[in-house]
């Protein structure tokens, strides 16, 4: 270890001690396997989209072979979905936690599986910590005298992607989320900015539900 490495190590150690940062706990085998299957499912969905795009430009004979592959991909996706649902149902802790979300529109089976597998910290952190962990906390973009717009980055991209899709559904089908999103749009916020804010709101609501142990339908607005 050279001098610079020792300095870096010292600064990082002081930083962690000052902020009382706890090391990440290793995931159990069950969570690791579930996340691996979710990643595989995502890969299969991407393959399906690619094949659907190729089909549009292919001759009829080639389309038949693509259709065969599309059916195979769908069968595998369905098998993974069934396996994930069974894993959650067999684990009473996961099942009871996710049952608290039953009143929240937009949180489908795939989103629920991602929350369990890739964000086990839900319910253990405060709203700022969980938003930062997922990469939904606005960060300052500054250098010297330059002060740019605050923006989100980093965090757990897979969870953020899943929450994006869930939020698209929630702002249309969940009254509370729809009202929150619409207030921002009516106030002049760009739709993309309003949607990111809604993603953060959705995550904070889920975190609060897991912390309180109260289902969404009885949780008081923040």
Protein backbone atom coordinates (compact mmCIF):
# COMPACT_ATOMS: atom_id res chain seq x y z
CA UNK A 1 0.00 0.00 0.00
CA UNK A 2 1.50 3.33 -1.07
CA UNK A 3 1.07 6.69 0.67
CA UNK A 4 -1.98 7.68 -1.35
CA UNK A 5 -3.71 4.37 -0.61
CA UNK A 6 -3.14 4.86 3.12
CA UNK A 7 -4.55 8.39 2.95
CA UNK A 8 -7.59 7.19 1.01
CA UNK A 9 -8.18 4.39 3.49
CA UNK A 10 -7.91 6.79 6.41
CA UNK A 11 -10.31 9.31 4.86
CA UNK A 12 -12.87 6.59 4.06
CA UNK A 13 -12.60 5.15 7.57
CA UNK A 14 -13.12 8.60 9.12
CA UNK A 15 -16.02 9.25 6.78
CA UNK A 16 -17.72 6.00 7.77
CA UNK A 17 -17.11 6.58 11.47
CA UNK A 18 -18.43 10.14 11.34
CA UNK A 19 -21.65 9.14 9.58
CA UNK A 20 -22.04 5.89 11.56
CA UNK A 21 -22.32 3.89 8.35
CA UNK A 22 -23.00 0.21 8.89
CA UNK A 23 -21.62 -2.36 6.45
CA UNK A 24 -24.12 -4.06 4.16
CA UNK A 25 -25.29 -7.38 5.47
CA UNK A 26 -24.78 -10.21 3.00
CA UNK A 27 -28.00 -11.48 1.47
CA UNK A 28 -29.24 -14.93 2.29
CA UNK A 29 -29.28 -17.64 -0.35
CA UNK A 30 -33.05 -17.29 -0.88
CA UNK A 31 -32.79 -13.59 -1.73
CA UNK A 32 -29.76 -14.15 -3.96
CA UNK A 33 -31.61 -16.81 -5.94
CA UNK A 34 -34.73 -14.69 -6.25
CA UNK A 35 -32.76 -11.72 -7.54
CA UNK A 36 -30.92 -13.96 -10.02
CA UNK A 37 -34.26 -15.21 -11.38
CA UNK A 38 -35.56 -11.63 -11.63
CA UNK A 39 -32.47 -10.65 -13.60
CA UNK A 40 -33.00 -13.65 -15.87
CA UNK A 41 -36.65 -12.68 -16.36
CA UNK A 42 -35.58 -9.18 -17.37
CA UNK A 43 -33.15 -10.65 -19.90
CA UNK A 44 -35.91 -12.80 -21.40
CA UNK A 45 -38.25 -9.81 -21.66
CA UNK A 46 -35.54 -7.89 -23.51
CA UNK A 47 -35.08 -10.85 -25.88
CA UNK A 48 -38.84 -10.90 -26.49
CA UNK A 49 -38.89 -7.21 -27.38
CA UNK A 50 -35.92 -7.66 -29.73
CA UNK A 51 -37.59 -10.59 -31.49
CA UNK A 52 -40.86 -8.67 -31.83
CA UNK A 53 -38.95 -5.84 -33.49
CA UNK A 54 -37.17 -8.24 -35.87
CA UNK A 55 -40.47 -9.86 -36.80
CA UNK A 56 -41.81 -6.63 -38.29
CA UNK A 57 -39.14 -6.65 -41.00
CA UNK A 58 -38.87 -10.38 -41.59
CA UNK A 59 -40.41 -12.40 -44.48
CA UNK A 60 -43.38 -14.62 -43.61
CA UNK A 61 -41.35 -17.84 -43.41
CA UNK A 62 -38.91 -16.21 -41.02
CA UNK A 63 -41.78 -14.75 -39.00
CA UNK A 64 -42.99 -18.28 -38.30
CA UNK A 65 -39.64 -19.21 -36.73
CA UNK A 66 -39.61 -15.96 -34.74
CA UNK A 67 -43.14 -16.72 -33.52
CA UNK A 68 -41.90 -20.11 -32.31
CA UNK A 69 -39.10 -18.46 -30.37
CA UNK A 70 -41.49 -15.87 -28.95
CA UNK A 71 -43.72 -18.63 -27.61
CA UNK A 72 -40.71 -20.34 -26.04
CA UNK A 73 -39.62 -17.09 -24.40
CA UNK A 74 -43.11 -16.46 -23.05
CA UNK A 75 -43.33 -19.96 -21.61
CA UNK A 76 -40.03 -19.43 -19.79
CA UNK A 77 -41.15 -16.03 -18.46
CA UNK A 78 -44.38 -17.62 -17.22
CA UNK A 79 -42.43 -20.40 -15.51
CA UNK A 80 -40.24 -17.86 -13.72
CA UNK A 81 -43.29 -15.84 -12.65
CA UNK A 82 -44.87 -18.98 -11.22
CA UNK A 83 -41.68 -19.92 -9.37
CA UNK A 84 -41.32 -16.42 -7.88
CA UNK A 85 -44.95 -16.42 -6.73
CA UNK A 86 -44.47 -19.81 -5.06
CA UNK A 87 -41.28 -18.65 -3.32
CA UNK A 88 -43.07 -15.63 -1.87
CA UNK A 89 -46.11 -17.64 -0.81
CA UNK A 90 -43.96 -20.20 0.99
CA UNK A 91 -42.08 -17.54 2.96
CA UNK A 92 -44.51 -16.24 5.59
CA UNK A 93 -42.42 -13.13 6.37
CA UNK A 94 -42.27 -12.03 2.72
CA UNK A 95 -45.91 -12.92 2.12
CA UNK A 96 -47.20 -10.99 5.13
CA UNK A 97 -45.07 -7.94 4.28
CA UNK A 98 -46.28 -7.80 0.70
CA UNK A 99 -49.89 -8.33 1.77
CA UNK A 100 -49.68 -4.86 3.36
CA UNK A 101 -49.42 -3.41 -0.17
CA UNK A 102 -52.67 -4.94 -1.42
CA UNK A 103 -54.49 -1.60 -1.37
CA UNK A 104 -51.79 0.18 -3.38
CA UNK A 105 -52.51 0.18 -7.11
CA UNK A 106 -49.65 -0.33 -9.56
CA UNK A 107 -47.56 -2.67 -7.41
CA UNK A 108 -47.75 -5.90 -9.38
CA UNK A 109 -46.18 -9.29 -8.77
CA UNK A 110 -42.90 -8.47 -10.52
CA UNK A 111 -42.46 -5.22 -8.56
CA UNK A 112 -43.20 -7.01 -5.29
CA UNK A 113 -40.58 -9.65 -6.02
CA UNK A 114 -37.98 -6.98 -6.81
CA UNK A 115 -38.76 -5.12 -3.57
CA UNK A 116 -38.19 -8.27 -1.53
CA UNK A 117 -35.11 -9.50 -3.39
CA UNK A 118 -33.23 -6.29 -4.18
CA UNK A 119 -34.33 -3.94 -1.40
CA UNK A 120 -34.41 -5.87 1.89
CA UNK A 121 -33.67 -2.60 3.73
CA UNK A 122 -37.29 -1.47 3.20
CA UNK A 123 -38.86 -0.59 6.53
CA UNK A 124 -35.50 -0.33 8.30
CA UNK A 125 -34.39 3.08 7.01
CA UNK A 126 -35.91 6.55 7.13
CA UNK A 127 -37.37 8.23 4.05
CA UNK A 128 -34.17 10.07 3.08
CA UNK A 129 -31.98 7.00 3.50
CA UNK A 130 -34.22 4.72 1.43
CA UNK A 131 -34.53 7.33 -1.35
CA UNK A 132 -30.74 7.74 -1.47
CA UNK A 133 -30.21 3.96 -1.48
CA UNK A 134 -32.39 3.54 -4.56
CA UNK A 135 -30.97 6.65 -6.26
CA UNK A 136 -34.09 8.78 -6.00
CA UNK A 137 -32.76 11.48 -3.70
CA UNK A 138 -31.96 14.73 -5.57
CA UNK A 139 -28.20 15.37 -5.37
CA UNK A 140 -26.47 18.71 -5.75
CA UNK A 141 -24.64 19.23 -9.05
CA UNK A 142 -22.04 21.83 -8.11
CA UNK A 143 -18.41 22.61 -8.84
CA UNK A 144 -16.78 25.78 -7.55
CA UNK A 145 -19.07 28.68 -8.33
CA UNK A 146 -21.15 26.56 -10.74
CA UNK A 147 -24.46 25.41 -9.34
CA UNK A 148 -26.46 23.14 -11.63
CA UNK A 149 -29.83 21.55 -11.15
CA UNK A 150 -30.19 18.89 -8.51
CA UNK A 151 -30.66 15.48 -10.07
CA UNK A 152 -30.90 11.82 -9.21
CA UNK A 153 -28.23 9.26 -10.01
CA UNK A 154 -26.55 6.15 -8.66
CA UNK A 155 -28.33 3.76 -6.35
CA UNK A 156 -29.93 0.46 -7.30
CA UNK A 157 -30.88 0.86 -10.92
CA UNK A 158 -32.89 -2.37 -11.15
CA UNK A 159 -35.18 -1.26 -8.32
CA UNK A 160 -35.45 2.21 -9.82
CA UNK A 161 -36.49 0.79 -13.20
CA UNK A 162 -39.11 -1.39 -11.54
CA UNK A 163 -40.45 1.56 -9.54
CA UNK A 164 -40.64 3.65 -12.71
CA UNK A 165 -42.96 1.12 -14.34
CA UNK A 166 -44.99 0.76 -11.13
CA UNK A 167 -45.34 4.54 -10.86
CA UNK A 168 -46.58 4.84 -14.43
CA UNK A 169 -49.44 2.56 -13.41
CA UNK A 170 -49.95 4.07 -9.95
CA UNK A 171 -50.43 7.66 -11.19
CA UNK A 172 -53.28 6.41 -13.36
CA UNK A 173 -54.97 3.93 -11.04
CA UNK A 174 -54.20 4.96 -7.44
CA UNK A 175 -56.12 8.07 -6.33
CA UNK A 176 -53.49 9.25 -3.86
CA UNK A 177 -50.63 8.89 -6.32
CA UNK A 178 -52.67 10.39 -9.16
CA UNK A 179 -53.51 13.47 -7.07
CA UNK A 180 -49.88 13.93 -6.03
CA UNK A 181 -48.62 13.68 -9.61
CA UNK A 182 -51.34 15.95 -10.98
CA UNK A 183 -50.67 18.65 -8.39
CA UNK A 184 -47.06 18.84 -9.52
CA UNK A 185 -48.01 18.99 -13.20
CA UNK A 186 -50.62 21.66 -12.50
CA UNK A 187 -47.96 23.64 -10.63
CA UNK A 188 -45.88 23.77 -13.81
CA UNK A 189 -43.46 20.91 -13.17
CA UNK A 190 -42.36 19.03 -16.32
CA UNK A 191 -44.03 15.62 -16.51
CA UNK A 192 -40.69 13.82 -16.23
CA UNK A 193 -39.82 15.73 -13.04
CA UNK A 194 -43.30 15.08 -11.63
CA UNK A 195 -42.96 11.37 -12.42
CA UNK A 196 -39.60 11.11 -10.64
CA UNK A 197 -41.12 12.86 -7.63
CA UNK A 198 -43.99 10.37 -7.75
CA UNK A 199 -41.49 7.50 -7.85
CA UNK A 200 -39.85 8.88 -4.72
CA UNK A 201 -43.25 9.31 -3.07
CA UNK A 202 -44.23 5.74 -3.92
CA UNK A 203 -40.99 4.38 -2.47
CA UNK A 204 -41.44 6.42 0.73
CA UNK A 205 -45.02 5.18 1.09
CA UNK A 206 -43.91 1.54 0.71
CA UNK A 207 -41.10 2.09 3.21
CA UNK A 208 -43.55 3.65 5.69
CA UNK A 209 -45.95 0.73 5.28
CA UNK A 210 -43.21 -1.79 6.03
CA UNK A 211 -41.99 0.24 9.02
CA UNK A 212 -45.44 0.67 10.53
CA UNK A 213 -46.82 -2.75 9.71
CA UNK A 214 -50.07 -1.02 8.72
CA UNK A 215 -51.67 -1.78 5.32
CA UNK A 216 -51.87 0.97 2.75
CA UNK A 217 -55.61 1.46 3.04
CA UNK A 218 -55.30 2.64 6.68
CA UNK A 219 -51.95 4.43 6.47
CA UNK A 220 -52.38 8.15 7.13
CA UNK A 221 -51.10 10.58 4.49
CA UNK A 222 -47.69 12.05 5.28
